[in-house]
């Protein structure tokens, strides 16, 4: 089972959902804003991908954070705390493909998973 985590109004999440639908792949959508992010999932994603890949430092949410908080986000523990508190700072979508996890949308990479 594929589980896609993200925010429904995110353009990248919209592209990912469209791609999955066009390829007739069933998936479950988990809305960060409405359902939050379980801490154990965030820790598992960090283990699989690394906190640097999960933390979106280019997005509006990151830019709006206090500069002191941004400067203090220097390792996995601090990054996970920021991501738990500000879910919109997680790069999207996070996709669980059964036993493997990816972040972001890459149609070529996803094609290999079909």
Foldseek 3Di string as FASTA:
>chain_A
DKEKEEAVVDPQVVVVVVLCVVVVHDYHYHYCVPRNDPLVNLVVCCVQPNLVQFFACPDPVNVPDDPVLVVPCDHDVSSSVVCRVPVNRTADIWMDLPPHIDGTDDPVVVVVSD
